[in-house]
Each structure stands twice: as C-alpha cells, then as structure tokens.
Amino acid sequence: MFRVFIFLIMLGLLALSIVLSMLNPAEIEIDLYFHIYKAPLPLFLFTSFLIGSFVALLFFFSAYIKNKHENRNLKKIMKIKEDEIDNLRKNPLRDDSE
C-alpha cells in the first residue's frame, strides 16, 4: 500500500512538472555565483530531476553495498558456528569422573 502511495505522489509530481513546463516555456536565469546559466525552464526541471535521481541512486547503492558486506560477514560467522555445532554433535563431551 505504501509503494502505491509513493508511486501516486511521484506521478503527481511528474504531472505537475509537465504542466509547469508547458505553461512556462520562457528562458530563465540561474545564477550560481561563478556562472550564470540561461535556458528554458523545462531543461532546468529535467536536469534537476536527473541530478536528484543520480544522488538518490548513489545513496541507495552505498546502503546496498554496506548491507551486502554485512550479510557476507554474517554468513561466514554462521558457517563457523554451524561447523562448531556439527563437531560437538559428532564428538560429545565425555565425563571423565569414572
């Protein structure tokens, strides 16, 4: 349900940006202090969307790599523990008090 809600929000934002692009085709200026860019509004909207998507992809990719690394370490630890349990089952502890 949450994914459907997020999808609908993204679809609404996309529709809003398309409407804004159609209604405002004039050139705008973006002053970045060291350079002034002049281009149509739809180009700036599309560029900001691409940059935002790329930054989000980088954040998700770094989280994916971190989780993958942690998963690999946990699998190694689990293998060691399973081997130790198998060895204890094969060679039970002996009581030498006799």
PDB file of N, CA and C in Angstrom:
ATOM      1  N   MET A   1       0.824  -1.198   0.000  1.00  0.00           N
ATOM      2  CA  MET A   1       0.000   0.000   0.000  1.00  0.00           C
ATOM      3  C   MET A   1       0.868   1.261   0.000  1.00  0.00           C
ATOM      4  N   PHE A   2       1.955   1.206   0.785  1.00  0.00           N
ATOM      5  CA  PHE A   2       2.857   2.354   0.872  1.00  0.00           C
ATOM      6  C   PHE A   2       3.507   2.635  -0.480  1.00  0.00           C
ATOM      7  N   ARG A   3       3.904   1.570  -1.199  1.00  0.00           N
ATOM      8  CA  ARG A   3       4.537   1.760  -2.508  1.00  0.00           C
ATOM      9  C   ARG A   3       3.572   2.387  -3.508  1.00  0.00           C
ATOM     10  N   VAL A   4       2.316   1.983  -3.439  1.00  0.00           N
ATOM     11  CA  VAL A   4       1.314   2.569  -4.331  1.00  0.00           C
ATOM     12  C   VAL A   4       1.157   4.055  -4.019  1.00  0.00           C
ATOM     13  N   PHE A   5       1.134   4.400  -2.739  1.00  0.00           N
ATOM     14  CA  PHE A   5       1.020   5.797  -2.325  1.00  0.00           C
ATOM     15  C   PHE A   5       2.208   6.615  -2.834  1.00  0.00           C
ATOM     16  N   ILE A   6       3.417   6.096  -2.674  1.00  0.00           N
ATOM     17  CA  ILE A   6       4.626   6.787  -3.157  1.00  0.00           C
ATOM     18  C   ILE A   6       4.584   6.920  -4.675  1.00  0.00           C
ATOM     19  N   PHE A   7       4.140   5.867  -5.349  1.00  0.00           N
ATOM     20  CA  PHE A   7       4.042   5.919  -6.805  1.00  0.00           C
ATOM     21  C   PHE A   7       3.071   7.005  -7.250  1.00  0.00           C
ATOM     22  N   LEU A   8       1.935   7.099  -6.580  1.00  0.00           N
ATOM     23  CA  LEU A   8       0.953   8.127  -6.932  1.00  0.00           C
ATOM     24  C   LEU A   8       1.487   9.532  -6.671  1.00  0.00           C
ATOM     25  N   ILE A   9       2.228   9.705  -5.592  1.00  0.00           N
ATOM     26  CA  ILE A   9       2.849  11.009  -5.308  1.00  0.00           C
ATOM     27  C   ILE A   9       3.856  11.363  -6.405  1.00  0.00           C
ATOM     28  N   MET A  10       4.680  10.414  -6.797  1.00  0.00           N
ATOM     29  CA  MET A  10       5.668  10.666  -7.852  1.00  0.00           C
ATOM     30  C   MET A  10       4.980  10.975  -9.183  1.00  0.00           C
ATOM     31  N   LEU A  11       3.905  10.265  -9.457  1.00  0.00           N
ATOM     32  CA  LEU A  11       3.157  10.524 -10.685  1.00  0.00           C
ATOM     33  C   LEU A  11       2.556  11.927 -10.665  1.00  0.00           C
ATOM     34  N   GLY A  12       2.050  12.350  -9.510  1.00  0.00           N
ATOM     35  CA  GLY A  12       1.512  13.696  -9.376  1.00  0.00           C
ATOM     36  C   GLY A  12       2.581  14.763  -9.560  1.00  0.00           C
ATOM     37  N   LEU A  13       3.755  14.539  -8.977  1.00  0.00           N
ATOM     38  CA  LEU A  13       4.853  15.497  -9.138  1.00  0.00           C
ATOM     39  C   LEU A  13       5.324  15.573 -10.584  1.00  0.00           C
ATOM     40  N   LEU A  14       5.345  14.429 -11.251  1.00  0.00           N
ATOM     41  CA  LEU A  14       5.718  14.415 -12.660  1.00  0.00           C
ATOM     42  C   LEU A  14       4.707  15.204 -13.487  1.00  0.00           C
ATOM     43  N   ALA A  15       3.417  14.989 -13.220  1.00  0.00           N
ATOM     44  CA  ALA A  15       2.375  15.723 -13.941  1.00  0.00           C
ATOM     45  C   ALA A  15       2.479  17.220 -13.664  1.00  0.00           C
ATOM     46  N   LEU A  16       2.750  17.585 -12.403  1.00  0.00           N
ATOM     47  CA  LEU A  16       2.907  18.994 -12.057  1.00  0.00           C
ATOM     48  C   LEU A  16       4.082  19.621 -12.799  1.00  0.00           C
ATOM     49  N   SER A  17       5.185  18.914 -12.884  1.00  0.00           N
ATOM     50  CA  SER A  17       6.347  19.472 -13.586  1.00  0.00           C
ATOM     51  C   SER A  17       6.080  19.597 -15.080  1.00  0.00           C
ATOM     52  N   ILE A  18       5.325  18.660 -15.656  1.00  0.00           N
ATOM     53  CA  ILE A  18       4.993  18.772 -17.075  1.00  0.00           C
ATOM     54  C   ILE A  18       4.082  19.975 -17.317  1.00  0.00           C
ATOM     55  N   VAL A  19       3.106  20.161 -16.432  1.00  0.00           N
ATOM     56  CA  VAL A  19       2.208  21.316 -16.568  1.00  0.00           C
ATOM     57  C   VAL A  19       2.992  22.615 -16.430  1.00  0.00           C
ATOM     58  N   LEU A  20       3.870  22.698 -15.442  1.00  0.00           N
ATOM     59  CA  LEU A  20       4.688  23.908 -15.272  1.00  0.00           C
ATOM     60  C   LEU A  20       5.568  24.149 -16.496  1.00  0.00           C
ATOM     61  N   SER A  21       6.082  23.098 -17.076  1.00  0.00           N
ATOM     62  CA  SER A  21       6.926  23.234 -18.262  1.00  0.00           C
ATOM     63  C   SER A  21       6.136  23.764 -19.445  1.00  0.00           C
ATOM     64  N   MET A  22       4.912  23.275 -19.581  1.00  0.00           N
ATOM     65  CA  MET A  22       4.085  23.714 -20.707  1.00  0.00           C
ATOM     66  C   MET A  22       3.634  25.169 -20.536  1.00  0.00           C
ATOM     67  N   LEU A  23       3.341  25.555 -19.304  1.00  0.00           N
ATOM     68  CA  LEU A  23       2.837  26.909 -19.071  1.00  0.00           C
ATOM     69  C   LEU A  23       3.941  27.957 -19.025  1.00  0.00           C
ATOM     70  N   ASN A  24       5.183  27.546 -18.764  1.00  0.00           N
ATOM     71  CA  ASN A  24       6.298  28.495 -18.635  1.00  0.00           C
ATOM     72  C   ASN A  24       7.461  28.101 -19.552  1.00  0.00           C
ATOM     73  N   PRO A  25       7.320  28.258 -20.852  1.00  0.00           N
ATOM     74  CA  PRO A  25       8.411  27.865 -21.746  1.00  0.00           C
ATOM     75  C   PRO A  25       9.513  28.926 -21.886  1.00  0.00           C
ATOM     76  N   ALA A  26       9.374  30.021 -21.169  1.00  0.00           N
ATOM     77  CA  ALA A  26      10.349  31.115 -21.305  1.00  0.00           C
ATOM     78  C   ALA A  26      11.698  30.730 -20.709  1.00  0.00           C
ATOM     79  N   GLU A  27      12.716  31.472 -21.156  1.00  0.00           N
ATOM     80  CA  GLU A  27      14.052  31.235 -20.614  1.00  0.00           C
ATOM     81  C   GLU A  27      14.161  31.852 -19.233  1.00  0.00           C
ATOM     82  N   ILE A  28      14.905  31.165 -18.374  1.00  0.00           N
ATOM     83  CA  ILE A  28      15.174  31.686 -17.035  1.00  0.00           C
ATOM     84  C   ILE A  28      16.672  31.699 -16.827  1.00  0.00           C
ATOM     85  N   GLU A  29      17.077  32.470 -15.837  1.00  0.00           N
ATOM     86  CA  GLU A  29      18.496  32.553 -15.485  1.00  0.00           C
ATOM     87  C   GLU A  29      18.708  31.900 -14.126  1.00  0.00           C
ATOM     88  N   ILE A  30      19.760  31.095 -14.049  1.00  0.00           N
ATOM     89  CA  ILE A  30      20.181  30.501 -12.781  1.00  0.00           C
ATOM     90  C   ILE A  30      21.569  31.054 -12.482  1.00  0.00           C
ATOM     91  N   ASP A  31      21.687  31.791 -11.400  1.00  0.00           N
ATOM     92  CA  ASP A  31      22.956  32.395 -11.008  1.00  0.00           C
ATOM     93  C   ASP A  31      23.603  31.517  -9.949  1.00  0.00           C
ATOM     94  N   LEU A  32      24.738  30.890 -10.311  1.00  0.00           N
ATOM     95  CA  LEU A  32      25.485  30.037  -9.386  1.00  0.00           C
ATOM     96  C   LEU A  32      26.734  30.736  -8.859  1.00  0.00           C
ATOM     97  N   TYR A  33      26.712  32.020  -8.801  1.00  0.00           N
ATOM     98  CA  TYR A  33      27.761  32.898  -8.290  1.00  0.00           C
ATOM     99  C   TYR A  33      28.984  32.950  -9.205  1.00  0.00           C
ATOM    100  N   PHE A  34      29.430  31.816  -9.708  1.00  0.00           N
ATOM    101  CA  PHE A  34      30.598  31.819 -10.578  1.00  0.00           C
ATOM    102  C   PHE A  34      30.205  31.753 -12.057  1.00  0.00           C
ATOM    103  N   HIS A  35      28.956  31.423 -12.316  1.00  0.00           N
ATOM    104  CA  HIS A  35      28.494  31.344 -13.691  1.00  0.00           C
ATOM    105  C   HIS A  35      26.974  31.531 -13.722  1.00  0.00           C
ATOM    106  N   ILE A  36      26.503  32.187 -14.772  1.00  0.00           N
ATOM    107  CA  ILE A  36      25.063  32.386 -14.950  1.00  0.00           C
ATOM    108  C   ILE A  36      24.619  31.525 -16.121  1.00  0.00           C
ATOM    109  N   TYR A  37      23.632  30.672 -15.878  1.00  0.00           N
ATOM    110  CA  TYR A  37      23.102  29.803 -16.916  1.00  0.00           C
ATOM    111  C   TYR A  37      21.748  30.331 -17.380  1.00  0.00           C
ATOM    112  N   LYS A  38      21.568  30.374 -18.708  1.00  0.00           N
ATOM    113  CA  LYS A  38      20.294  30.779 -19.308  1.00  0.00           C
ATOM    114  C   LYS A  38      19.788  29.602 -20.128  1.00  0.00           C
ATOM    115  N   ALA A  39      18.567  29.160 -19.803  1.00  0.00           N
ATOM    116  CA  ALA A  39      17.952  28.057 -20.549  1.00  0.00           C
ATOM    117  C   ALA A  39      16.465  28.042 -20.248  1.00  0.00           C
ATOM    118  N   PRO A  40      15.713  27.294 -21.042  1.00  0.00           N
ATOM    119  CA  PRO A  40      14.271  27.176 -20.775  1.00  0.00           C
ATOM    120  C   PRO A  40      14.017  26.424 -19.457  1.00  0.00           C
ATOM    121  N   LEU A  41      12.903  26.730 -18.831  1.00  0.00           N
ATOM    122  CA  LEU A  41      12.537  26.099 -17.559  1.00  0.00           C
ATOM    123  C   LEU A  41      12.460  24.573 -17.656  1.00  0.00           C
ATOM    124  N   PRO A  42      11.889  24.004 -18.724  1.00  0.00           N
ATOM    125  CA  PRO A  42      11.831  22.533 -18.783  1.00  0.00           C
ATOM    126  C   PRO A  42      13.202  21.874 -18.739  1.00  0.00           C
ATOM    127  N   LEU A  43      14.198  22.525 -19.323  1.00  0.00           N
ATOM    128  CA  LEU A  43      15.543  21.969 -19.290  1.00  0.00           C
ATOM    129  C   LEU A  43      16.084  21.941 -17.861  1.00  0.00           C
ATOM    130  N   PHE A  44      15.866  23.009 -17.097  1.00  0.00           N
ATOM    131  CA  PHE A  44      16.323  23.036 -15.709  1.00  0.00           C
ATOM    132  C   PHE A  44      15.560  22.027 -14.846  1.00  0.00           C
ATOM    133  N   LEU A  45      14.267  21.878 -15.101  1.00  0.00           N
ATOM    134  CA  LEU A  45      13.492  20.877 -14.361  1.00  0.00           C
ATOM    135  C   LEU A  45      14.004  19.472 -14.639  1.00  0.00           C
ATOM    136  N   PHE A  46      14.246  19.179 -15.912  1.00  0.00           N
ATOM    137  CA  PHE A  46      14.742  17.855 -16.276  1.00  0.00           C
ATOM    138  C   PHE A  46      16.138  17.606 -15.710  1.00  0.00           C
ATOM    139  N   THR A  47      17.001  18.615 -15.775  1.00  0.00           N
ATOM    140  CA  THR A  47      18.360  18.478 -15.241  1.00  0.00           C
ATOM    141  C   THR A  47      18.340  18.258 -13.734  1.00  0.00           C
ATOM    142  N   SER A  48      17.508  19.009 -13.031  1.00  0.00           N
ATOM    143  CA  SER A  48      17.442  18.820 -11.576  1.00  0.00           C
ATOM    144  C   SER A  48      16.871  17.447 -11.231  1.00  0.00           C
ATOM    145  N   PHE A  49      15.921  16.953 -12.026  1.00  0.00           N
ATOM    146  CA  PHE A  49      15.399  15.604 -11.818  1.00  0.00           C
ATOM    147  C   PHE A  49      16.500  14.567 -12.009  1.00  0.00           C
ATOM    148  N   LEU A  50      17.296  14.704 -13.062  1.00  0.00           N
ATOM    149  CA  LEU A  50      18.383  13.748 -13.311  1.00  0.00           C
ATOM    150  C   LEU A  50      19.430  13.777 -12.200  1.00  0.00           C
ATOM    151  N   ILE A  51      19.803  14.965 -11.757  1.00  0.00           N
ATOM    152  CA  ILE A  51      20.802  15.085 -10.687  1.00  0.00           C
ATOM    153  C   ILE A  51      20.261  14.486  -9.392  1.00  0.00           C
ATOM    154  N   GLY A  52      19.002  14.774  -9.068  1.00  0.00           N
ATOM    155  CA  GLY A  52      18.394  14.200  -7.869  1.00  0.00           C
ATOM    156  C   GLY A  52      18.306  12.690  -7.932  1.00  0.00           C
ATOM    157  N   SER A  53      17.974  12.156  -9.099  1.00  0.00           N
ATOM    158  CA  SER A  53      17.908  10.700  -9.272  1.00  0.00           C
ATOM    159  C   SER A  53      19.292  10.074  -9.098  1.00  0.00           C
ATOM    160  N   PHE A  54      20.301  10.714  -9.648  1.00  0.00           N
ATOM    161  CA  PHE A  54      21.663  10.196  -9.532  1.00  0.00           C
ATOM    162  C   PHE A  54      22.142  10.205  -8.081  1.00  0.00           C
ATOM    163  N   VAL A  55      21.873  11.284  -7.351  1.00  0.00           N
ATOM    164  CA  VAL A  55      22.270  11.364  -5.939  1.00  0.00           C
ATOM    165  C   VAL A  55      21.537  10.301  -5.116  1.00  0.00           C
ATOM    166  N   ALA A  56      20.246  10.123  -5.366  1.00  0.00           N
ATOM    167  CA  ALA A  56      19.484   9.086  -4.661  1.00  0.00           C
ATOM    168  C   ALA A  56      20.034   7.704  -4.984  1.00  0.00           C
ATOM    169  N   LEU A  57      20.394   7.479  -6.237  1.00  0.00           N
ATOM    170  CA  LEU A  57      20.979   6.203  -6.631  1.00  0.00           C
ATOM    171  C   LEU A  57      22.292   5.951  -5.901  1.00  0.00           C
ATOM    172  N   LEU A  58      23.106   6.975  -5.748  1.00  0.00           N
ATOM    173  CA  LEU A  58      24.365   6.820  -5.012  1.00  0.00           C
ATOM    174  C   LEU A  58      24.122   6.452  -3.558  1.00  0.00           C
ATOM    175  N   PHE A  59      23.154   7.104  -2.913  1.00  0.00           N
ATOM    176  CA  PHE A  59      22.856   6.787  -1.520  1.00  0.00           C
ATOM    177  C   PHE A  59      22.335   5.361  -1.378  1.00  0.00           C
ATOM    178  N   PHE A  60      21.424   4.964  -2.251  1.00  0.00           N
ATOM    179  CA  PHE A  60      20.886   3.607  -2.170  1.00  0.00           C
ATOM    180  C   PHE A  60      21.951   2.567  -2.498  1.00  0.00           C
ATOM    181  N   PHE A  61      22.829   2.873  -3.447  1.00  0.00           N
ATOM    182  CA  PHE A  61      23.889   1.939  -3.807  1.00  0.00           C
ATOM    183  C   PHE A  61      24.866   1.758  -2.654  1.00  0.00           C
ATOM    184  N   SER A  62      25.203   2.839  -1.952  1.00  0.00           N
ATOM    185  CA  SER A  62      26.121   2.708  -0.815  1.00  0.00           C
ATOM    186  C   SER A  62      25.482   1.887   0.301  1.00  0.00           C
ATOM    187  N   ALA A  63      24.185   2.056   0.546  1.00  0.00           N
ATOM    188  CA  ALA A  63      23.482   1.258   1.553  1.00  0.00           C
ATOM    189  C   ALA A  63      23.435  -0.209   1.120  1.00  0.00           C
ATOM    190  N   TYR A  64      23.247  -0.448  -0.172  1.00  0.00           N
ATOM    191  CA  TYR A  64      23.220  -1.811  -0.691  1.00  0.00           C
ATOM    192  C   TYR A  64      24.569  -2.496  -0.488  1.00  0.00           C
ATOM    193  N   ILE A  65      25.648  -1.799  -0.805  1.00  0.00           N
ATOM    194  CA  ILE A  65      26.992  -2.359  -0.632  1.00  0.00           C
ATOM    195  C   ILE A  65      27.252  -2.659   0.840  1.00  0.00           C
ATOM    196  N   LYS A  66      26.860  -1.759   1.726  1.00  0.00           N
ATOM    197  CA  LYS A  66      27.062  -1.962   3.163  1.00  0.00           C
ATOM    198  C   LYS A  66      26.298  -3.199   3.641  1.00  0.00           C
ATOM    199  N   ASN A  67      25.045  -3.327   3.231  1.00  0.00           N
ATOM    200  CA  ASN A  67      24.244  -4.484   3.638  1.00  0.00           C
ATOM    201  C   ASN A  67      24.787  -5.780   3.043  1.00  0.00           C
ATOM    202  N   LYS A  68      25.270  -5.728   1.831  1.00  0.00           N
ATOM    203  CA  LYS A  68      25.851  -6.903   1.185  1.00  0.00           C
ATOM    204  C   LYS A  68      27.098  -7.361   1.946  1.00  0.00           C
ATOM    205  N   HIS A  69      27.935  -6.417   2.346  1.00  0.00           N
ATOM    206  CA  HIS A  69      29.142  -6.735   3.102  1.00  0.00           C
ATOM    207  C   HIS A  69      28.789  -7.336   4.461  1.00  0.00           C
ATOM    208  N   GLU A  70      27.811  -6.742   5.137  1.00  0.00           N
ATOM    209  CA  GLU A  70      27.388  -7.254   6.440  1.00  0.00           C
ATOM    210  C   GLU A  70      26.781  -8.652   6.308  1.00  0.00           C
ATOM    211  N   ASN A  71      26.017  -8.869   5.262  1.00  0.00           N
ATOM    212  CA  ASN A  71      25.421 -10.180   5.011  1.00  0.00           C
ATOM    213  C   ASN A  71      26.503 -11.235   4.788  1.00  0.00           C
ATOM    214  N   ARG A  72      27.535 -10.897   4.036  1.00  0.00           N
ATOM    215  CA  ARG A  72      28.634 -11.828   3.784  1.00  0.00           C
ATOM    216  C   ARG A  72      29.349 -12.177   5.083  1.00  0.00           C
ATOM    217  N   ASN A  73      29.597 -11.175   5.922  1.00  0.00           N
ATOM    218  CA  ASN A  73      30.256 -11.439   7.204  1.00  0.00           C
ATOM    219  C   ASN A  73      29.401 -12.319   8.105  1.00  0.00           C
ATOM    220  N   LEU A  74      28.089 -12.061   8.142  1.00  0.00           N
ATOM    221  CA  LEU A  74      27.200 -12.869   8.972  1.00  0.00           C
ATOM    222  C   LEU A  74      27.117 -14.308   8.462  1.00  0.00           C
ATOM    223  N   LYS A  75      27.167 -14.504   7.155  1.00  0.00           N
ATOM    224  CA  LYS A  75      27.170 -15.869   6.610  1.00  0.00           C
ATOM    225  C   LYS A  75      28.439 -16.613   7.005  1.00  0.00           C
ATOM    226  N   LYS A  76      29.587 -15.926   7.012  1.00  0.00           N
ATOM    227  CA  LYS A  76      30.836 -16.560   7.440  1.00  0.00           C
ATOM    228  C   LYS A  76      30.756 -16.972   8.907  1.00  0.00           C
ATOM    229  N   ILE A  77      30.242 -16.081   9.731  1.00  0.00           N
ATOM    230  CA  ILE A  77      30.119 -16.373  11.161  1.00  0.00           C
ATOM    231  C   ILE A  77      29.149 -17.530  11.377  1.00  0.00           C
ATOM    232  N   MET A  78      28.039 -17.531  10.635  1.00  0.00           N
ATOM    233  CA  MET A  78      27.067 -18.618  10.768  1.00  0.00           C
ATOM    234  C   MET A  78      27.671 -19.947  10.338  1.00  0.00           C
ATOM    235  N   LYS A  79      28.470 -19.970   9.292  1.00  0.00           N
ATOM    236  CA  LYS A  79      29.134 -21.198   8.839  1.00  0.00           C
ATOM    237  C   LYS A  79      30.073 -21.720   9.912  1.00  0.00           C
ATOM    238  N   ILE A  80      30.815 -20.834  10.539  1.00  0.00           N
ATOM    239  CA  ILE A  80      31.729 -21.250  11.613  1.00  0.00           C
ATOM    240  C   ILE A  80      30.942 -21.844  12.773  1.00  0.00           C
ATOM    241  N   LYS A  81      29.857 -21.197  13.158  1.00  0.00           N
ATOM    242  CA  LYS A  81      29.026 -21.689  14.272  1.00  0.00           C
ATOM    243  C   LYS A  81      28.388 -23.036  13.924  1.00  0.00           C
ATOM    244  N   GLU A  82      27.903 -23.202  12.684  1.00  0.00           N
ATOM    245  CA  GLU A  82      27.316 -24.475  12.280  1.00  0.00           C
ATOM    246  C   GLU A  82      28.356 -25.589  12.295  1.00  0.00           C
ATOM    247  N   ASP A  83      29.569 -25.301  11.831  1.00  0.00           N
ATOM    248  CA  ASP A  83      30.639 -26.301  11.874  1.00  0.00           C
ATOM    249  C   ASP A  83      30.961 -26.690  13.311  1.00  0.00           C
ATOM    250  N   GLU A  84      30.991 -25.710  14.188  1.00  0.00           N
ATOM    251  CA  GLU A  84      31.264 -25.982  15.596  1.00  0.00           C
ATOM    252  C   GLU A  84      30.155 -26.845  16.210  1.00  0.00           C
ATOM    253  N   ILE A  85      28.915 -26.571  15.896  1.00  0.00           N
ATOM    254  CA  ILE A  85      27.793 -27.375  16.406  1.00  0.00           C
ATOM    255  C   ILE A  85      27.853 -28.791  15.849  1.00  0.00           C
ATOM    256  N   ASP A  86      28.171 -28.946  14.564  1.00  0.00           N
ATOM    257  CA  ASP A  86      28.293 -30.279  13.968  1.00  0.00           C
ATOM    258  C   ASP A  86      29.405 -31.076  14.638  1.00  0.00           C
ATOM    259  N   ASN A  87      30.532 -30.423  14.933  1.00  0.00           N
ATOM    260  CA  ASN A  87      31.646 -31.104  15.621  1.00  0.00           C
ATOM    261  C   ASN A  87      31.245 -31.532  17.023  1.00  0.00           C
ATOM    262  N   LEU A  88      30.481 -30.708  17.720  1.00  0.00           N
ATOM    263  CA  LEU A  88      30.027 -31.090  19.066  1.00  0.00           C
ATOM    264  C   LEU A  88      29.031 -32.242  19.008  1.00  0.00           C
ATOM    265  N   ARG A  89      28.242 -32.328  17.978  1.00  0.00           N
ATOM    266  CA  ARG A  89      27.307 -33.450  17.829  1.00  0.00           C
ATOM    267  C   ARG A  89      28.044 -34.741  17.532  1.00  0.00           C
ATOM    268  N   LYS A  90      29.092 -34.659  16.731  1.00  0.00           N
ATOM    269  CA  LYS A  90      29.867 -35.852  16.380  1.00  0.00           C
ATOM    270  C   LYS A  90      30.706 -36.326  17.557  1.00  0.00           C
ATOM    271  N   ASN A  91      31.275 -35.423  18.293  1.00  0.00           N
ATOM    272  CA  ASN A  91      32.143 -35.743  19.424  1.00  0.00           C
ATOM    273  C   ASN A  91      31.559 -35.153  20.699  1.00  0.00           C
ATOM    274  N   PRO A  92      30.621 -35.858  21.306  1.00  0.00           N
ATOM    275  CA  PRO A  92      30.022 -35.293  22.520  1.00  0.00           C
ATOM    276  C   PRO A  92      31.049 -35.195  23.650  1.00  0.00           C
ATOM    277  N   LEU A  93      30.755 -34.334  24.566  1.00  0.00           N
ATOM    278  CA  LEU A  93      31.653 -34.174  25.711  1.00  0.00           C
ATOM    279  C   LEU A  93      31.647 -35.449  26.540  1.00  0.00           C
ATOM    280  N   ARG A  94      32.810 -35.832  27.061  1.00  0.00           N
ATOM    281  CA  ARG A  94      32.918 -37.037  27.869  1.00  0.00           C
ATOM    282  C   ARG A  94      33.064 -36.670  29.339  1.00  0.00           C
ATOM    283  N   ASP A  95      32.452 -37.457  30.137  1.00  0.00           N
ATOM    284  CA  ASP A  95      32.559 -37.249  31.568  1.00  0.00           C
ATOM    285  C   ASP A  95      33.662 -38.162  32.086  1.00  0.00           C
ATOM    286  N   ASP A  96      34.808 -37.613  32.534  1.00  0.00           N
ATOM    287  CA  ASP A  96      35.972 -38.389  32.981  1.00  0.00           C
ATOM    288  C   ASP A  96      35.963 -38.634  34.472  1.00  0.00           C
ATOM    289  N   SER A  97      34.839 -38.536  35.115  1.00  0.00           N
ATOM    290  CA  SER A  97      34.798 -38.687  36.570  1.00  0.00           C
ATOM    291  C   SER A  97      34.761 -40.152  36.988  1.00  0.00           C
ATOM    292  N   GLU A  98      34.691 -41.099  36.066  1.00  0.00           N
ATOM    293  CA  GLU A  98      34.637 -42.524  36.427  1.00  0.00           C
ATOM    294  C   GLU A  98      35.957 -43.065  36.839  1.00  0.00           C
TER     295      GLU A  98
END
